[in-house]
Amino acid sequence: MFFTKNRIAGAAIAAWLALGVADAGFAADAALRPEPAVRAAHAATATTLDAAWAGTRVVAVGDHGVVELSDDQGLSFRQARSVPVSTMLNSVSFADARSGWAVGHWGVILHTRDGGESWELQRLAADEDRPLFAVHFFNAREGVAVGLWSLVLVTEDGGKTWQKQTLTPPPGSAKADLNLFGLFAGPAGILYAAAEHGMVLRSADRGRTWTYLGTGYRGSFWSGIGLADGTLVVAGLRGSMYRSTDQGAHWSPVTTGLKSSITRLVEAKGKLLAVGLDGLHIVSDNGGLSFSNTSTAGGASLTAALIAADGRQILFSTTGPVPPAAPQRN
């Protein structure tokens, strides 16, 4: 099965487009056998596609099955001890400091019980390459993973078993075949999926059923976030960004003035940070109504971000974790 750039999804799109890869699809191979990720000194330069907190530890995942860990709030990273696959990992989610999950190509789902030091394989779909692009766990048992062509998987036992959910077609379509690019939680445990064709999907039952929320946009959303005040913000291609203050019933465009695609949204200490291709880096202190500190000059394309306890930004890119800036002298 092959699919071209406009069918590749999620944060993986950001990395592949930035690297100029024309086609990231692979033919399904029934004889596929997972190869462990190689431990190497240059692993830290592999494309990073997502990062999450495991307690106070940072866990970042990306190309070649590379998992990077930081126990000093992102100042330095080391490679995980054991990862059973070398396929691209697109997303990571932790329920607590120990239990986490990562998903990627070939429908791979990995689980860690020790904060990301070592991983075990929970799922591998060798008969098809329907990548999983996002994963979200509500707790140590209940989780959702989404991916290519409306693929939705849910688990109620910490990933020991995964059930595929059949989505109804979106309005005006004969079948459900949207690429689902990102997952984020809103108030009261409601789950949202950022998708293509300007769609946002909403689930009030932890991924079992979904409704479609039209935003008025026609392009792809790669990331979304539920802010502390309940505001929803989604963003994606060519600097597009939309926000909703009524759980997705109505959406308004946000003017960013940028043309570079946005790959990640994160919030901390009352500020909303958006990062993206071409070094895109913008900050809002009013819930996404407007942005400042706009920067697109220089640097690798940014693919993920976290906010440290001291407010420092931990950034990730197509060349791995971004080294922290040197402190300014007075």
Protein backbone atom coordinates (compact mmCIF):
# COMPACT_ATOMS: atom_id res chain seq x y z
CA MET A 1 0.00 0.00 0.00
CA PHE A 2 1.46 3.36 -1.02
CA PHE A 3 0.29 6.84 -0.14
CA THR A 4 1.68 10.21 -1.21
CA LYS A 5 2.55 13.33 0.76
CA ASN A 6 -0.98 14.66 0.89
CA ARG A 7 -2.07 11.41 2.56
CA ILE A 8 0.68 11.28 5.16
CA ALA A 9 -0.48 12.54 8.51
CA GLY A 10 0.26 14.12 11.83
CA ALA A 11 3.56 15.40 13.06
CA ALA A 12 5.18 12.94 10.69
CA ILE A 13 4.08 15.19 7.83
CA ALA A 14 6.08 18.02 9.31
CA ALA A 15 9.24 16.00 9.43
CA TRP A 16 8.88 14.42 6.00
CA LEU A 17 7.96 17.64 4.25
CA ALA A 18 10.88 19.42 5.89
CA LEU A 19 13.24 16.66 4.83
CA GLY A 20 11.86 16.65 1.28
CA VAL A 21 10.73 13.03 1.31
CA ALA A 22 8.44 12.44 -1.65
CA ASP A 23 6.73 9.28 -0.48
CA ALA A 24 6.86 7.82 3.03
CA GLY A 25 4.61 4.86 2.33
CA PHE A 26 5.76 1.26 2.35
CA ALA A 27 4.36 -1.87 0.75
CA ALA A 28 2.80 -4.20 3.28
CA ASP A 29 4.89 -7.31 3.85
CA ALA A 30 3.40 -10.33 5.54
CA ALA A 31 6.92 -11.43 6.48
CA LEU A 32 7.64 -8.19 8.35
CA ARG A 33 9.66 -8.75 11.50
CA PRO A 34 10.35 -5.90 13.89
CA GLU A 35 14.00 -4.95 14.32
CA PRO A 36 15.06 -3.34 17.61
CA ALA A 37 16.08 0.31 17.55
CA VAL A 38 19.84 0.70 17.32
CA ARG A 39 21.62 2.37 20.21
CA ALA A 40 24.04 4.87 18.73
CA ALA A 41 25.77 8.11 19.59
CA HIS A 42 24.05 9.91 16.69
CA ALA A 43 20.55 8.80 17.80
CA ALA A 44 20.01 12.20 19.40
CA THR A 45 19.98 13.76 15.92
CA ALA A 46 17.12 11.57 14.66
CA THR A 47 13.89 13.39 13.83
CA THR A 48 11.77 13.81 16.95
CA LEU A 49 8.01 13.77 16.39
CA ASP A 50 6.48 13.92 19.88
CA ALA A 51 7.36 14.30 23.54
CA ALA A 52 5.53 13.85 26.85
CA TRP A 53 6.08 14.08 30.59
CA ALA A 54 6.51 10.85 32.56
CA GLY A 55 6.32 12.44 35.98
CA THR A 56 9.31 14.80 35.93
CA ARG A 57 11.04 12.88 33.12
CA VAL A 58 10.83 13.94 29.48
CA VAL A 59 10.25 11.12 26.98
CA ALA A 60 10.65 11.93 23.27
CA VAL A 61 10.00 9.61 20.32
CA GLY A 62 10.73 9.74 16.61
CA ASP A 63 12.34 8.21 13.57
CA HIS A 64 14.12 4.81 13.58
CA GLY A 65 12.37 3.84 16.82
CA VAL A 66 14.53 6.28 18.75
CA VAL A 67 13.32 7.12 22.26
CA GLU A 68 15.19 9.84 24.14
CA LEU A 69 14.93 10.44 27.91
CA SER A 70 15.77 13.47 30.02
CA ASP A 71 15.86 13.60 33.81
CA ASP A 72 16.99 17.22 34.03
CA GLN A 73 14.00 18.99 32.48
CA GLY A 74 15.31 18.75 28.93
CA LEU A 75 18.85 20.05 29.50
CA SER A 76 20.35 16.73 28.35
CA PHE A 77 19.05 13.52 26.77
CA ARG A 78 20.08 9.87 26.63
CA GLN A 79 18.71 7.01 24.54
CA ALA A 80 16.29 4.50 26.05
CA ARG A 81 17.79 1.15 26.97
CA SER A 82 15.51 -1.09 24.88
CA VAL A 83 13.00 -0.42 22.07
CA PRO A 84 11.77 -3.47 20.09
CA VAL A 85 11.14 -1.67 16.78
CA SER A 86 13.09 0.63 14.47
CA THR A 87 10.04 2.00 12.69
CA MET A 88 9.00 5.64 12.97
CA LEU A 89 7.24 6.51 16.24
CA ASN A 90 4.78 9.39 15.89
CA SER A 91 3.22 9.95 19.30
CA VAL A 92 3.68 9.17 23.01
CA SER A 93 1.38 9.39 26.03
CA PHE A 94 1.91 8.64 29.73
CA ALA A 95 -0.75 7.83 32.31
CA ASP A 96 1.72 8.31 35.19
CA ALA A 97 5.44 8.43 35.79
CA ARG A 98 5.89 4.75 34.91
CA SER A 99 3.22 3.66 32.42
CA GLY A 100 3.39 5.02 28.88
CA TRP A 101 2.54 4.16 25.28
CA ALA A 102 4.04 5.08 21.91
CA VAL A 103 2.52 4.52 18.45
CA GLY A 104 3.85 4.63 14.92
CA HIS A 105 4.11 3.04 11.50
CA TRP A 106 2.93 -0.51 10.76
CA GLY A 107 0.25 0.20 13.38
CA VAL A 108 2.87 -0.28 16.08
CA ILE A 109 1.89 0.23 19.71
CA LEU A 110 4.58 0.05 22.39
CA HIS A 111 4.20 0.03 26.17
CA THR A 112 6.65 0.92 28.92
CA ARG A 113 6.37 0.07 32.61
CA ASP A 114 9.52 1.87 33.75
CA GLY A 115 9.16 5.44 32.56
CA GLY A 116 10.48 4.83 29.07
CA GLU A 117 13.69 2.94 29.85
CA SER A 118 12.45 -0.23 28.13
CA TRP A 119 9.48 -0.97 25.86
CA GLU A 120 7.42 -3.97 24.86
CA LEU A 121 5.42 -4.53 21.68
CA GLN A 122 1.64 -4.60 22.16
CA ARG A 123 0.52 -4.36 18.54
CA LEU A 124 2.01 -4.74 15.04
CA ALA A 125 -0.22 -4.85 11.93
CA ALA A 126 2.10 -6.56 9.46
CA ASP A 127 -0.65 -7.11 6.89
CA GLU A 128 -1.16 -3.39 6.31
CA ASP A 129 0.76 -0.19 6.85
CA ARG A 130 -1.91 1.99 8.42
CA PRO A 131 0.24 4.21 10.61
CA LEU A 132 -1.00 5.38 13.98
CA PHE A 133 -0.35 9.09 14.38
CA ALA A 134 -1.59 9.90 17.87
CA VAL A 135 -2.25 8.21 21.20
CA HIS A 136 -3.93 9.46 24.38
CA PHE A 137 -4.37 7.66 27.69
CA PHE A 138 -6.89 8.83 30.28
CA ASN A 139 -5.44 6.56 32.96
CA ALA A 140 -3.37 3.38 33.19
CA ARG A 141 -6.14 1.28 31.57
CA GLU A 142 -8.17 3.42 29.16
CA GLY A 143 -6.58 4.77 26.00
CA VAL A 144 -7.24 5.71 22.36
CA ALA A 145 -4.99 5.61 19.29
CA VAL A 146 -5.86 7.06 15.87
CA GLY A 147 -4.30 7.12 12.43
CA LEU A 148 -4.58 6.70 8.70
CA TRP A 149 -7.99 6.56 7.00
CA SER A 150 -10.17 6.93 10.11
CA LEU A 151 -8.35 4.21 12.04
CA VAL A 152 -9.46 4.32 15.69
CA LEU A 153 -8.38 1.83 18.35
CA VAL A 154 -9.48 1.78 21.99
CA THR A 155 -8.32 -0.22 24.98
CA GLU A 156 -9.73 -0.78 28.46
CA ASP A 157 -6.94 -3.00 29.79
CA GLY A 158 -3.81 -0.91 29.40
CA GLY A 159 -3.23 -2.02 25.83
CA LYS A 160 -3.29 -5.78 26.32
CA THR A 161 -6.12 -5.78 23.78
CA TRP A 162 -7.20 -3.10 21.30
CA GLN A 163 -10.61 -2.85 19.65
CA LYS A 164 -11.04 -1.19 16.26
CA GLN A 165 -13.92 1.28 16.17
CA THR A 166 -15.94 1.85 12.99
CA LEU A 167 -16.61 5.52 12.31
CA THR A 168 -19.65 6.79 10.46
CA PRO A 169 -18.83 8.80 7.31
CA PRO A 170 -18.47 12.57 7.75
CA PRO A 171 -21.24 14.76 6.36
CA GLY A 172 -21.31 14.68 2.56
CA SER A 173 -19.05 11.63 2.29
CA ALA A 174 -19.83 8.04 1.40
CA LYS A 175 -17.20 6.54 3.68
CA ALA A 176 -15.07 7.38 6.70
CA ASP A 177 -11.53 7.80 5.39
CA LEU A 178 -10.21 10.93 7.08
CA ASN A 179 -6.64 10.96 8.30
CA LEU A 180 -6.72 11.57 12.06
CA PHE A 181 -3.62 13.56 12.93
CA GLY A 182 -3.72 14.42 16.64
CA LEU A 183 -5.58 13.75 19.90
CA PHE A 184 -6.24 16.14 22.75
CA ALA A 185 -8.52 16.22 25.78
CA GLY A 186 -10.98 18.94 26.66
CA PRO A 187 -13.11 19.56 29.76
CA ALA A 188 -14.81 16.62 31.51
CA GLY A 189 -12.66 14.05 29.71
CA ILE A 190 -14.06 14.79 26.25
CA LEU A 191 -11.58 13.69 23.59
CA TYR A 192 -10.96 15.51 20.32
CA ALA A 193 -9.13 14.46 17.16
CA ALA A 194 -7.53 16.95 14.75
CA ALA A 195 -8.08 15.78 11.17
CA GLU A 196 -7.88 16.72 7.52
CA HIS A 197 -10.46 18.71 5.51
CA GLY A 198 -10.76 21.15 8.41
CA MET A 199 -12.51 18.56 10.55
CA VAL A 200 -12.32 18.07 14.31
CA LEU A 201 -13.85 14.91 15.77
CA ARG A 202 -15.37 14.75 19.26
CA SER A 203 -15.86 11.72 21.52
CA ALA A 204 -17.63 11.83 24.87
CA ASP A 205 -17.21 8.09 25.53
CA ARG A 206 -13.44 7.72 25.34
CA GLY A 207 -13.13 6.93 21.67
CA ARG A 208 -16.01 4.54 21.09
CA THR A 209 -18.23 6.91 19.12
CA TRP A 210 -17.44 10.21 17.42
CA THR A 211 -19.19 13.26 16.01
CA TYR A 212 -17.78 15.57 13.34
CA LEU A 213 -17.24 19.26 14.02
CA GLY A 214 -16.82 21.45 10.95
CA THR A 215 -14.64 24.52 11.42
CA GLY A 216 -15.08 26.21 8.03
CA TYR A 217 -11.49 25.42 7.11
CA ARG A 218 -10.61 23.07 4.22
CA GLY A 219 -7.03 22.13 5.01
CA SER A 220 -5.47 19.78 7.54
CA PHE A 221 -5.15 20.28 11.28
CA TRP A 222 -2.09 18.60 12.77
CA SER A 223 -2.43 19.51 16.43
CA GLY A 224 -4.95 20.66 19.00
CA ILE A 225 -5.21 21.55 22.67
CA GLY A 226 -7.83 22.04 25.35
CA LEU A 227 -6.83 25.08 27.42
CA ALA A 228 -7.32 25.36 31.16
CA ASP A 229 -10.35 27.64 30.70
CA GLY A 230 -12.05 25.17 28.34
CA THR A 231 -11.10 26.93 25.10
CA LEU A 232 -10.21 24.58 22.24
CA VAL A 233 -7.51 25.49 19.72
CA VAL A 234 -6.51 23.54 16.60
CA ALA A 235 -3.76 24.34 14.11
CA GLY A 236 -2.06 22.95 11.04
CA LEU A 237 -1.20 23.72 7.43
CA ARG A 238 0.25 27.10 6.44
CA GLY A 239 -0.18 28.72 9.83
CA SER A 240 -3.89 27.95 10.03
CA MET A 241 -5.42 28.13 13.50
CA TYR A 242 -9.00 28.02 14.80
CA ARG A 243 -10.45 28.32 18.31
CA SER A 244 -13.74 27.46 20.01
CA THR A 245 -15.17 28.48 23.37
CA ASP A 246 -18.26 26.21 23.27
CA GLN A 247 -16.74 22.71 23.07
CA GLY A 248 -16.41 22.83 19.30
CA ALA A 249 -19.93 23.89 18.32
CA HIS A 250 -18.58 27.07 16.70
CA TRP A 251 -15.07 27.95 15.54
CA SER A 252 -13.34 31.24 14.73
CA PRO A 253 -10.13 31.66 12.71
CA VAL A 254 -7.07 33.08 14.47
CA THR A 255 -4.88 35.42 12.45
CA THR A 256 -1.25 34.36 12.82
CA GLY A 257 0.13 36.14 9.79
CA LEU A 258 2.31 33.12 9.07
CA LYS A 259 2.53 30.65 6.19
CA SER A 260 4.60 27.93 7.89
CA SER A 261 2.66 24.92 9.13
CA ILE A 262 2.05 24.52 12.86
CA THR A 263 2.99 21.13 14.29
CA ARG A 264 2.38 21.45 18.04
CA LEU A 265 0.42 23.45 20.62
CA VAL A 266 1.30 23.42 24.33
CA GLU A 267 0.10 25.44 27.32
CA ALA A 268 1.72 26.28 30.64
CA LYS A 269 1.54 29.09 33.17
CA GLY A 270 -1.21 30.85 31.23
CA LYS A 271 0.67 30.96 27.94
CA LEU A 272 -0.03 29.08 24.70
CA LEU A 273 2.99 28.12 22.62
CA ALA A 274 2.77 27.08 18.97
CA VAL A 275 5.75 25.69 17.06
CA GLY A 276 6.14 24.50 13.49
CA LEU A 277 8.06 24.27 10.25
CA ASP A 278 10.81 26.73 9.31
CA GLY A 279 11.47 27.46 12.97
CA LEU A 280 7.95 28.80 13.56
CA HIS A 281 7.62 29.85 17.20
CA ILE A 282 4.75 32.03 18.48
CA VAL A 283 3.31 32.70 21.95
CA SER A 284 -0.12 33.84 23.17
CA ASP A 285 -1.00 35.11 26.64
CA ASN A 286 -4.73 35.54 25.93
CA GLY A 287 -5.90 32.02 25.13
CA GLY A 288 -4.96 32.09 21.48
CA LEU A 289 -6.80 35.28 20.53
CA SER A 290 -3.53 36.80 19.35
CA PHE A 291 0.15 35.90 19.27
CA SER A 292 3.46 37.67 19.78
CA ASN A 293 7.16 36.80 19.86
CA THR A 294 6.79 35.64 16.27
CA SER A 295 9.92 33.98 14.92
CA THR A 296 10.50 32.02 11.73
CA ALA A 297 14.10 32.92 11.01
CA GLY A 298 16.76 30.18 11.12
CA GLY A 299 16.80 26.90 12.93
CA ALA A 300 15.42 23.48 12.11
CA SER A 301 11.71 22.86 11.67
CA LEU A 302 10.14 22.37 15.09
CA THR A 303 7.99 19.29 15.62
CA ALA A 304 7.14 19.20 19.34
CA ALA A 305 7.49 21.19 22.55
CA LEU A 306 7.09 20.95 26.32
CA ILE A 307 7.20 23.56 29.08
CA ALA A 308 9.56 22.91 32.01
CA ALA A 309 8.62 23.56 35.63
CA ASP A 310 10.57 26.83 35.56
CA GLY A 311 8.74 27.98 32.42
CA ARG A 312 11.61 27.18 30.07
CA GLN A 313 10.61 25.86 26.65
CA ILE A 314 11.88 22.40 25.68
CA LEU A 315 11.86 22.20 21.89
CA PHE A 316 12.21 19.30 19.46
CA SER A 317 12.94 19.30 15.75
CA THR A 318 13.73 17.38 12.61
CA THR A 319 17.27 17.05 13.99
CA GLY A 320 16.30 15.89 17.48
CA PRO A 321 16.01 17.80 20.77
CA VAL A 322 16.99 21.46 20.40
CA PRO A 323 19.92 22.32 22.69
CA PRO A 324 18.87 24.81 25.36
CA ALA A 325 19.84 28.41 24.74
CA ALA A 326 22.79 29.68 26.70
CA PRO A 327 21.75 31.95 29.59
CA GLN A 328 22.01 35.64 28.78
CA ARG A 329 24.59 37.69 30.62
CA ASN A 330 23.56 40.91 32.28
